[in-house]
Amino acid sequence: MTFADRLARFNRLPNRLVRTFAGRLPPLAIVVHRGRRSGRSYRTPVVAFRTGDGYVVSLPYGPDRDWVRNVLAAGACTLERGRRRVELTGPRMLSTSEGLALVPAPVRSGLRLLRVRAFLRLSRTR
C-alpha cells in the first residue's frame, strides 16, 4: 500500500465531516459523479480552483482514485461550490507544472509542500 493509499484511507472519516460544508466554503467543493460499474451517485469532497473556462482540482492522493476514474470514464461531472451547481465536461489530467500554473499563487507553495503531483482540469458545459 502506497503512502497516498494510506492517507486516503485515513481521511475517509474526516472527509465525511468535510462533505457537510464543502460546497459552501471555497475552494472546497463537492464532485458529484456516477460509479463506473454500479451506476450509483457519489459525492466526493475536493479542492477546486476556478479557471477561465472551468475548474482545476488538485489530486493529493494521486490520479488513481475511483472518483477520478469515474469522472474520466463518464467524461463529465457536476461540481457543487459556493451554493452553485456547475455541469463540467472534458476531464483532462494535467502534469504538476500545468496544474500549478492554474492555481492561485499563494496556494502553489502549499501544494508543493504536500507533494501534489496531479491535477484534473474540467471545462464548463456551454
Foldseek 3Di string as FASTA:
>chain_A
DDPLVVVVVVCPVVFVVCLVCQLADPQWKWKWFAQPPPRDIDIGIFRWDDAPFFIKTFDLSDCPDRVNVRCVVVQWIWIRHNNDIFTWGRKDKDFLVVRLVGHDPVCSVVCVVSVGTIMITTGTDD
